[in-house]
Amino acid sequence: MAHVFEVSWLSKRCLRFYKMDILNYESNSYQELLFACEIASRTYCSLKQKGFVRHFVKDLMFRDISKTIFLQSYLSDFAERSRRQIEMSIAVAGPSLDLILIPFISLEMMNSLIWQ
């Protein structure tokens, strides 16, 4: 809503809420990470604001949470992922796109074995 009406103070407050409350995990469980990831992903795709994605990725690194482990879980059902989720995976992987290609190649190899 802040983006639609161009209310900068509300946009800043939403980002602050995201950083202070959403990224303040009680445990580093996959469900908590997934929730924060989905919020960042949706704000980026619908509002084209990269701030949430940047903070999510920075928080993963700050907490020493492996991008590899997160993306393996996040992409475990690669065929079911939406374009928005694939784009978020690319943002999380950064220059290490092999983190995304490995699950995809594994899925393709499994499919080729099944259909032979």
C-alpha atoms as a PDB file:
ATOM      1  CA  MET A   1       0.000   0.000   0.000  1.00  0.00           C
ATOM      2  CA  ALA A   2       2.863   2.360   0.800  1.00  0.00           C
ATOM      3  CA  HIS A   3       4.306   1.771  -2.649  1.00  0.00           C
ATOM      4  CA  VAL A   4       0.990   2.365  -4.445  1.00  0.00           C
ATOM      5  CA  PHE A   5       0.405   5.707  -2.762  1.00  0.00           C
ATOM      6  CA  GLU A   6       4.114   6.598  -2.733  1.00  0.00           C
ATOM      7  CA  VAL A   7       4.234   7.127   1.001  1.00  0.00           C
ATOM      8  CA  SER A   8       7.941   6.852   1.722  1.00  0.00           C
ATOM      9  CA  TRP A   9       7.619   6.826   5.511  1.00  0.00           C
ATOM     10  CA  LEU A  10       5.285   3.825   5.328  1.00  0.00           C
ATOM     11  CA  SER A  11       7.642   1.979   2.970  1.00  0.00           C
ATOM     12  CA  LYS A  12      10.513   2.597   5.374  1.00  0.00           C
ATOM     13  CA  ARG A  13       8.428   1.442   8.309  1.00  0.00           C
ATOM     14  CA  CYS A  14       7.461  -1.773   6.469  1.00  0.00           C
ATOM     15  CA  LEU A  15      11.121  -2.494   5.733  1.00  0.00           C
ATOM     16  CA  ARG A  16      12.043  -1.767   9.343  1.00  0.00           C
ATOM     17  CA  PHE A  17       9.287  -4.146  10.523  1.00  0.00           C
ATOM     18  CA  TYR A  18      10.646  -6.813   8.171  1.00  0.00           C
ATOM     19  CA  LYS A  19      14.217  -6.384   9.463  1.00  0.00           C
ATOM     20  CA  MET A  20      13.333  -6.142  13.155  1.00  0.00           C
ATOM     21  CA  ASP A  21      10.457  -8.619  13.467  1.00  0.00           C
ATOM     22  CA  ILE A  22      10.352 -11.001  10.512  1.00  0.00           C
ATOM     23  CA  LEU A  23      14.129 -11.554  10.311  1.00  0.00           C
ATOM     24  CA  ASN A  24      14.331 -11.943  14.078  1.00  0.00           C
ATOM     25  CA  TYR A  25      13.979 -15.734  14.044  1.00  0.00           C
ATOM     26  CA  GLU A  26      13.531 -17.612  17.290  1.00  0.00           C
ATOM     27  CA  SER A  27      15.305 -20.558  15.748  1.00  0.00           C
ATOM     28  CA  ASN A  28      16.883 -20.850  12.338  1.00  0.00           C
ATOM     29  CA  SER A  29      14.229 -23.308  11.228  1.00  0.00           C
ATOM     30  CA  TYR A  30      13.497 -23.770   7.556  1.00  0.00           C
ATOM     31  CA  GLN A  31       9.881 -22.651   8.089  1.00  0.00           C
ATOM     32  CA  GLU A  32      10.982 -19.305   9.533  1.00  0.00           C
ATOM     33  CA  LEU A  33      13.458 -18.799   6.699  1.00  0.00           C
ATOM     34  CA  LEU A  34      10.822 -19.747   4.144  1.00  0.00           C
ATOM     35  CA  PHE A  35       8.352 -17.228   5.600  1.00  0.00           C
ATOM     36  CA  ALA A  36      10.925 -14.420   5.427  1.00  0.00           C
ATOM     37  CA  CYS A  37      11.980 -15.519   1.945  1.00  0.00           C
ATOM     38  CA  GLU A  38       8.406 -15.492   0.632  1.00  0.00           C
ATOM     39  CA  ILE A  39       7.773 -11.982   1.964  1.00  0.00           C
ATOM     40  CA  ALA A  40      10.969 -10.720   0.339  1.00  0.00           C
ATOM     41  CA  SER A  41      10.133 -12.496  -2.890  1.00  0.00           C
ATOM     42  CA  ARG A  42       6.601 -11.131  -3.090  1.00  0.00           C
ATOM     43  CA  THR A  43       7.657  -7.546  -2.390  1.00  0.00           C
ATOM     44  CA  TYR A  44      10.341  -7.756  -5.048  1.00  0.00           C
ATOM     45  CA  CYS A  45       8.084  -9.232  -7.735  1.00  0.00           C
ATOM     46  CA  SER A  46       5.022  -7.119  -7.080  1.00  0.00           C
ATOM     47  CA  LEU A  47       6.617  -3.827  -6.025  1.00  0.00           C
ATOM     48  CA  LYS A  48      10.082  -4.134  -7.625  1.00  0.00           C
ATOM     49  CA  GLN A  49      11.717  -3.218  -4.304  1.00  0.00           C
ATOM     50  CA  LYS A  50      15.007  -5.050  -3.770  1.00  0.00           C
ATOM     51  CA  GLY A  51      15.468  -3.926  -0.160  1.00  0.00           C
ATOM     52  CA  PHE A  52      13.660  -6.906   1.336  1.00  0.00           C
ATOM     53  CA  VAL A  53      15.628  -9.373  -0.803  1.00  0.00           C
ATOM     54  CA  ARG A  54      18.925  -7.662   0.050  1.00  0.00           C
ATOM     55  CA  HIS A  55      18.173  -7.857   3.766  1.00  0.00           C
ATOM     56  CA  PHE A  56      17.088 -11.488   3.534  1.00  0.00           C
ATOM     57  CA  VAL A  57      20.319 -12.506   1.792  1.00  0.00           C
ATOM     58  CA  LYS A  58      22.425 -10.377   4.146  1.00  0.00           C
ATOM     59  CA  ASP A  59      20.676 -11.988   7.129  1.00  0.00           C
ATOM     60  CA  LEU A  60      21.430 -15.492   5.805  1.00  0.00           C
ATOM     61  CA  MET A  61      25.098 -14.600   5.596  1.00  0.00           C
ATOM     62  CA  PHE A  62      25.155 -12.805   8.965  1.00  0.00           C
ATOM     63  CA  ARG A  63      23.626 -15.815  10.721  1.00  0.00           C
ATOM     64  CA  ASP A  64      26.023 -18.120   8.895  1.00  0.00           C
ATOM     65  CA  ILE A  65      23.132 -20.014   7.330  1.00  0.00           C
ATOM     66  CA  SER A  66      24.338 -21.836   4.272  1.00  0.00           C
ATOM     67  CA  LYS A  67      22.790 -20.655   1.023  1.00  0.00           C
ATOM     68  CA  THR A  68      23.411 -24.148  -0.306  1.00  0.00           C
ATOM     69  CA  ILE A  69      21.386 -25.857   2.413  1.00  0.00           C
ATOM     70  CA  PHE A  70      18.571 -23.305   2.199  1.00  0.00           C
ATOM     71  CA  LEU A  71      18.359 -23.533  -1.599  1.00  0.00           C
ATOM     72  CA  GLN A  72      18.451 -27.338  -1.579  1.00  0.00           C
ATOM     73  CA  SER A  73      15.336 -27.313   0.587  1.00  0.00           C
ATOM     74  CA  TYR A  74      13.736 -24.391  -1.247  1.00  0.00           C
ATOM     75  CA  LEU A  75      14.284 -26.000  -4.647  1.00  0.00           C
ATOM     76  CA  SER A  76      13.568 -29.585  -3.593  1.00  0.00           C
ATOM     77  CA  ASP A  77      10.373 -29.468  -5.651  1.00  0.00           C
ATOM     78  CA  PHE A  78      11.892 -27.412  -8.461  1.00  0.00           C
ATOM     79  CA  ALA A  79       9.213 -28.373 -10.991  1.00  0.00           C
ATOM     80  CA  GLU A  80       6.537 -26.913  -8.717  1.00  0.00           C
ATOM     81  CA  ARG A  81       8.251 -23.541  -8.210  1.00  0.00           C
ATOM     82  CA  SER A  82       6.768 -20.397  -9.726  1.00  0.00           C
ATOM     83  CA  ARG A  83       8.728 -17.885 -11.735  1.00  0.00           C
ATOM     84  CA  ARG A  84       8.761 -15.572  -8.694  1.00  0.00           C
ATOM     85  CA  GLN A  85      10.311 -18.299  -6.559  1.00  0.00           C
ATOM     86  CA  ILE A  86      12.912 -19.133  -9.207  1.00  0.00           C
ATOM     87  CA  GLU A  87      13.847 -15.443  -9.413  1.00  0.00           C
ATOM     88  CA  MET A  88      14.184 -15.346  -5.630  1.00  0.00           C
ATOM     89  CA  SER A  89      16.441 -18.408  -5.783  1.00  0.00           C
ATOM     90  CA  ILE A  90      18.655 -16.598  -8.281  1.00  0.00           C
ATOM     91  CA  ALA A  91      18.799 -13.564  -5.972  1.00  0.00           C
ATOM     92  CA  VAL A  92      19.772 -15.750  -2.997  1.00  0.00           C
ATOM     93  CA  ALA A  93      22.392 -17.660  -5.000  1.00  0.00           C
ATOM     94  CA  GLY A  94      23.960 -14.448  -6.299  1.00  0.00           C
ATOM     95  CA  PRO A  95      26.959 -15.188  -8.506  1.00  0.00           C
ATOM     96  CA  SER A  96      26.943 -18.866  -7.417  1.00  0.00           C
ATOM     97  CA  LEU A  97      24.280 -20.007  -9.882  1.00  0.00           C
ATOM     98  CA  ASP A  98      25.550 -23.572  -9.625  1.00  0.00           C
ATOM     99  CA  LEU A  99      23.530 -23.704  -6.376  1.00  0.00           C
ATOM    100  CA  ILE A 100      20.405 -23.539  -8.539  1.00  0.00           C
ATOM    101  CA  LEU A 101      21.600 -25.658 -11.425  1.00  0.00           C
ATOM    102  CA  ILE A 102      22.524 -28.680  -9.293  1.00  0.00           C
ATOM    103  CA  PRO A 103      18.925 -29.400  -8.129  1.00  0.00           C
ATOM    104  CA  PHE A 104      17.671 -28.797 -11.677  1.00  0.00           C
ATOM    105  CA  ILE A 105      20.234 -31.158 -13.216  1.00  0.00           C
ATOM    106  CA  SER A 106      19.443 -33.767 -10.563  1.00  0.00           C
ATOM    107  CA  LEU A 107      15.731 -33.494 -11.387  1.00  0.00           C
ATOM    108  CA  GLU A 108      16.415 -33.841 -15.116  1.00  0.00           C
ATOM    109  CA  MET A 109      18.632 -36.871 -14.535  1.00  0.00           C
ATOM    110  CA  MET A 110      15.946 -38.525 -12.407  1.00  0.00           C
ATOM    111  CA  ASN A 111      13.305 -37.844 -15.060  1.00  0.00           C
ATOM    112  CA  SER A 112      15.472 -39.311 -17.807  1.00  0.00           C
ATOM    113  CA  LEU A 113      16.014 -42.470 -15.751  1.00  0.00           C
ATOM    114  CA  ILE A 114      12.296 -42.829 -15.095  1.00  0.00           C
ATOM    115  CA  TRP A 115      11.284 -42.401 -18.740  1.00  0.00           C
ATOM    116  CA  GLN A 116      13.878 -44.835 -20.149  1.00  0.00           C
END
